[in-house]
N, C-alpha and C. Protein backbone atom coordinates (compact mmCIF):
# COMPACT_ATOMS: atom_id res chain seq x y z
N UNK A 1 1.39 -3.24 18.25
CA UNK A 1 2.19 -3.26 17.03
C UNK A 1 1.87 -2.02 16.20
N UNK A 2 2.86 -1.21 15.93
CA UNK A 2 2.67 0.01 15.17
C UNK A 2 2.74 -0.29 13.68
N UNK A 3 1.76 0.20 12.94
CA UNK A 3 1.76 -0.03 11.51
C UNK A 3 2.73 0.93 10.83
N UNK A 4 3.42 0.40 9.82
CA UNK A 4 4.29 1.27 9.04
C UNK A 4 3.44 2.04 8.06
N UNK A 5 3.90 3.23 7.69
CA UNK A 5 3.14 4.04 6.75
C UNK A 5 3.53 3.69 5.32
N UNK A 6 2.83 4.28 4.39
CA UNK A 6 3.03 3.98 2.98
C UNK A 6 4.47 4.24 2.54
N UNK A 7 5.01 5.38 2.94
CA UNK A 7 6.36 5.74 2.52
C UNK A 7 7.41 4.75 3.02
N UNK A 8 7.27 4.33 4.27
CA UNK A 8 8.21 3.34 4.83
C UNK A 8 8.09 2.01 4.10
N UNK A 9 6.88 1.61 3.78
CA UNK A 9 6.66 0.35 3.09
C UNK A 9 7.25 0.41 1.69
N UNK A 10 7.08 1.53 1.00
CA UNK A 10 7.65 1.70 -0.34
C UNK A 10 9.17 1.63 -0.28
N UNK A 11 9.78 2.25 0.74
CA UNK A 11 11.24 2.20 0.88
C UNK A 11 11.71 0.77 1.06
N UNK A 12 10.99 -0.01 1.87
CA UNK A 12 11.34 -1.42 2.06
C UNK A 12 11.24 -2.17 0.74
N UNK A 13 10.19 -1.90 0.00
CA UNK A 13 9.98 -2.55 -1.29
C UNK A 13 11.09 -2.17 -2.28
N UNK A 14 11.49 -0.92 -2.29
CA UNK A 14 12.57 -0.47 -3.16
C UNK A 14 13.89 -1.14 -2.81
N UNK A 15 14.15 -1.31 -1.51
CA UNK A 15 15.36 -1.99 -1.06
C UNK A 15 15.39 -3.42 -1.57
N UNK A 16 14.27 -4.10 -1.46
CA UNK A 16 14.19 -5.48 -1.94
C UNK A 16 14.39 -5.54 -3.45
N UNK A 17 13.77 -4.61 -4.18
CA UNK A 17 13.92 -4.58 -5.63
C UNK A 17 15.38 -4.38 -6.02
N UNK A 18 16.07 -3.50 -5.32
CA UNK A 18 17.48 -3.25 -5.58
C UNK A 18 18.31 -4.51 -5.32
N UNK A 19 18.03 -5.19 -4.21
CA UNK A 19 18.75 -6.42 -3.89
C UNK A 19 18.53 -7.49 -4.96
N UNK A 20 17.30 -7.60 -5.44
CA UNK A 20 17.00 -8.59 -6.47
C UNK A 20 17.66 -8.23 -7.80
N UNK A 21 17.69 -6.94 -8.11
CA UNK A 21 18.28 -6.48 -9.37
C UNK A 21 19.79 -6.72 -9.42
N UNK A 22 20.46 -6.65 -8.29
CA UNK A 22 21.90 -6.86 -8.24
C UNK A 22 22.28 -8.27 -8.66
N UNK A 23 21.42 -9.23 -8.34
CA UNK A 23 21.68 -10.62 -8.72
C UNK A 23 22.70 -11.31 -7.84
N UNK A 24 22.99 -10.77 -6.67
CA UNK A 24 23.98 -11.35 -5.77
C UNK A 24 23.40 -12.44 -4.88
N UNK A 25 22.08 -12.58 -4.85
CA UNK A 25 21.43 -13.53 -3.95
C UNK A 25 21.33 -14.90 -4.62
N UNK A 26 21.39 -15.94 -3.80
CA UNK A 26 21.17 -17.27 -4.35
C UNK A 26 19.67 -17.46 -4.59
N UNK A 27 19.31 -18.59 -5.17
CA UNK A 27 17.91 -18.81 -5.55
C UNK A 27 16.98 -18.75 -4.34
N UNK A 28 17.34 -19.42 -3.24
CA UNK A 28 16.47 -19.41 -2.05
C UNK A 28 16.30 -18.00 -1.49
N UNK A 29 17.38 -17.24 -1.44
CA UNK A 29 17.31 -15.86 -0.94
C UNK A 29 16.46 -15.00 -1.88
N UNK A 30 16.62 -15.21 -3.18
CA UNK A 30 15.86 -14.44 -4.16
C UNK A 30 14.36 -14.72 -4.02
N UNK A 31 14.00 -15.99 -3.88
CA UNK A 31 12.59 -16.36 -3.73
C UNK A 31 12.04 -15.76 -2.45
N UNK A 32 12.81 -15.82 -1.37
CA UNK A 32 12.37 -15.26 -0.09
C UNK A 32 12.16 -13.75 -0.20
N UNK A 33 13.09 -13.06 -0.85
CA UNK A 33 12.97 -11.61 -1.03
C UNK A 33 11.78 -11.29 -1.91
N UNK A 34 11.56 -12.11 -2.95
CA UNK A 34 10.42 -11.89 -3.83
C UNK A 34 9.11 -12.03 -3.05
N UNK A 35 9.01 -13.06 -2.23
CA UNK A 35 7.81 -13.27 -1.40
C UNK A 35 7.59 -12.08 -0.47
N UNK A 36 8.66 -11.62 0.15
CA UNK A 36 8.56 -10.47 1.05
C UNK A 36 8.11 -9.23 0.27
N UNK A 37 8.65 -9.06 -0.94
CA UNK A 37 8.26 -7.94 -1.78
C UNK A 37 6.80 -7.98 -2.17
N UNK A 38 6.30 -9.17 -2.45
CA UNK A 38 4.88 -9.31 -2.81
C UNK A 38 3.99 -8.95 -1.63
N UNK A 39 4.39 -9.36 -0.42
CA UNK A 39 3.62 -9.00 0.78
C UNK A 39 3.61 -7.49 0.97
N UNK A 40 4.76 -6.86 0.77
CA UNK A 40 4.85 -5.40 0.91
C UNK A 40 4.02 -4.70 -0.16
N UNK A 41 4.03 -5.24 -1.37
CA UNK A 41 3.24 -4.67 -2.45
C UNK A 41 1.75 -4.72 -2.11
N UNK A 42 1.30 -5.85 -1.58
CA UNK A 42 -0.10 -5.98 -1.17
C UNK A 42 -0.43 -5.01 -0.04
N UNK A 43 0.54 -4.82 0.88
CA UNK A 43 0.34 -3.90 1.98
C UNK A 43 0.19 -2.46 1.46
N UNK A 44 1.02 -2.10 0.47
CA UNK A 44 0.91 -0.76 -0.13
C UNK A 44 -0.45 -0.58 -0.77
N UNK A 45 -0.91 -1.59 -1.48
CA UNK A 45 -2.23 -1.52 -2.11
C UNK A 45 -3.32 -1.33 -1.08
N UNK A 46 -3.22 -2.03 0.04
CA UNK A 46 -4.21 -1.93 1.12
C UNK A 46 -4.19 -0.53 1.74
N UNK A 47 -2.99 0.00 1.96
CA UNK A 47 -2.86 1.34 2.53
C UNK A 47 -3.51 2.36 1.60
N UNK A 48 -3.25 2.24 0.29
CA UNK A 48 -3.84 3.16 -0.68
C UNK A 48 -5.36 3.01 -0.74
N UNK A 49 -5.82 1.77 -0.69
CA UNK A 49 -7.27 1.52 -0.71
C UNK A 49 -7.93 2.13 0.51
N UNK A 50 -7.32 1.96 1.68
CA UNK A 50 -7.89 2.53 2.90
C UNK A 50 -7.89 4.05 2.85
N UNK A 51 -6.83 4.64 2.30
CA UNK A 51 -6.76 6.10 2.19
C UNK A 51 -7.85 6.60 1.24
N UNK A 52 -8.05 5.88 0.16
CA UNK A 52 -9.08 6.27 -0.80
C UNK A 52 -10.45 6.25 -0.16
N UNK A 53 -10.70 5.27 0.70
CA UNK A 53 -11.99 5.16 1.38
C UNK A 53 -12.22 6.31 2.35
N UNK A 54 -11.14 6.88 2.87
CA UNK A 54 -11.28 7.96 3.84
C UNK A 54 -11.46 9.33 3.19
N UNK A 55 -11.20 9.37 1.89
CA UNK A 55 -11.32 10.66 1.19
C UNK A 55 -12.77 11.12 1.21
N UNK A 56 -12.94 12.39 1.35
CA UNK A 56 -14.30 12.96 1.39
C UNK A 56 -15.01 12.72 0.07
N UNK A 57 -16.26 12.29 0.17
CA UNK A 57 -17.08 12.03 -1.01
C UNK A 57 -18.03 13.21 -1.19
N UNK A 58 -18.05 13.70 -2.40
CA UNK A 58 -18.99 14.77 -2.71
C UNK A 58 -20.25 14.15 -3.29
N UNK A 59 -21.37 14.49 -2.69
CA UNK A 59 -22.66 13.97 -3.14
C UNK A 59 -23.52 15.09 -3.68
N UNK A 60 -24.16 14.82 -4.78
CA UNK A 60 -25.07 15.81 -5.33
C UNK A 60 -26.46 15.49 -4.81
N UNK A 61 -27.03 16.45 -4.07
CA UNK A 61 -28.33 16.24 -3.45
C UNK A 61 -29.19 17.46 -3.74
N UNK A 62 -30.19 17.29 -4.57
CA UNK A 62 -31.09 18.40 -4.92
C UNK A 62 -30.33 19.61 -5.42
N UNK A 63 -29.43 19.37 -6.38
CA UNK A 63 -28.61 20.42 -6.99
C UNK A 63 -27.68 21.12 -6.01
N UNK A 64 -27.47 20.55 -4.84
CA UNK A 64 -26.53 21.11 -3.87
C UNK A 64 -25.43 20.09 -3.63
N UNK A 65 -24.23 20.57 -3.47
CA UNK A 65 -23.13 19.68 -3.14
C UNK A 65 -22.97 19.63 -1.63
N UNK A 66 -22.94 18.45 -1.10
CA UNK A 66 -22.72 18.28 0.33
C UNK A 66 -21.55 17.34 0.52
N UNK A 67 -20.87 17.46 1.62
CA UNK A 67 -19.73 16.61 1.92
C UNK A 67 -20.10 15.62 3.00
N UNK A 68 -19.66 14.39 2.79
CA UNK A 68 -19.81 13.36 3.80
C UNK A 68 -18.52 12.57 3.85
N UNK A 69 -18.11 12.18 5.03
CA UNK A 69 -16.94 11.33 5.15
C UNK A 69 -17.35 9.89 4.93
N UNK A 70 -16.57 9.19 4.13
CA UNK A 70 -16.84 7.78 3.88
C UNK A 70 -16.34 6.99 5.08
N UNK A 71 -17.16 6.10 5.60
CA UNK A 71 -16.77 5.25 6.71
C UNK A 71 -16.71 3.82 6.22
N UNK A 72 -15.52 3.28 6.21
CA UNK A 72 -15.34 1.89 5.75
C UNK A 72 -15.82 0.93 6.82
N UNK A 73 -16.54 -0.06 6.41
CA UNK A 73 -16.97 -1.10 7.34
C UNK A 73 -16.23 -2.36 7.00
N UNK A 74 -15.68 -2.98 8.01
CA UNK A 74 -14.90 -4.20 7.79
C UNK A 74 -15.55 -5.36 8.46
């Protein structure tokens, strides 16, 4: 299963927001779209969190700056 990237997930979320804003959906469809949007929102947050963890961390060690890659443990 290939993971979607942040940009694709945001586009999906924007599509759902547009559908909800139009007001053309019945209550069940609206609730379903809202649930899907919340899942996508959480996925975006997770993608951003994971990207932040991969960013290089600068450490100050004896007045010298050194670079280390952060390795997330799950």
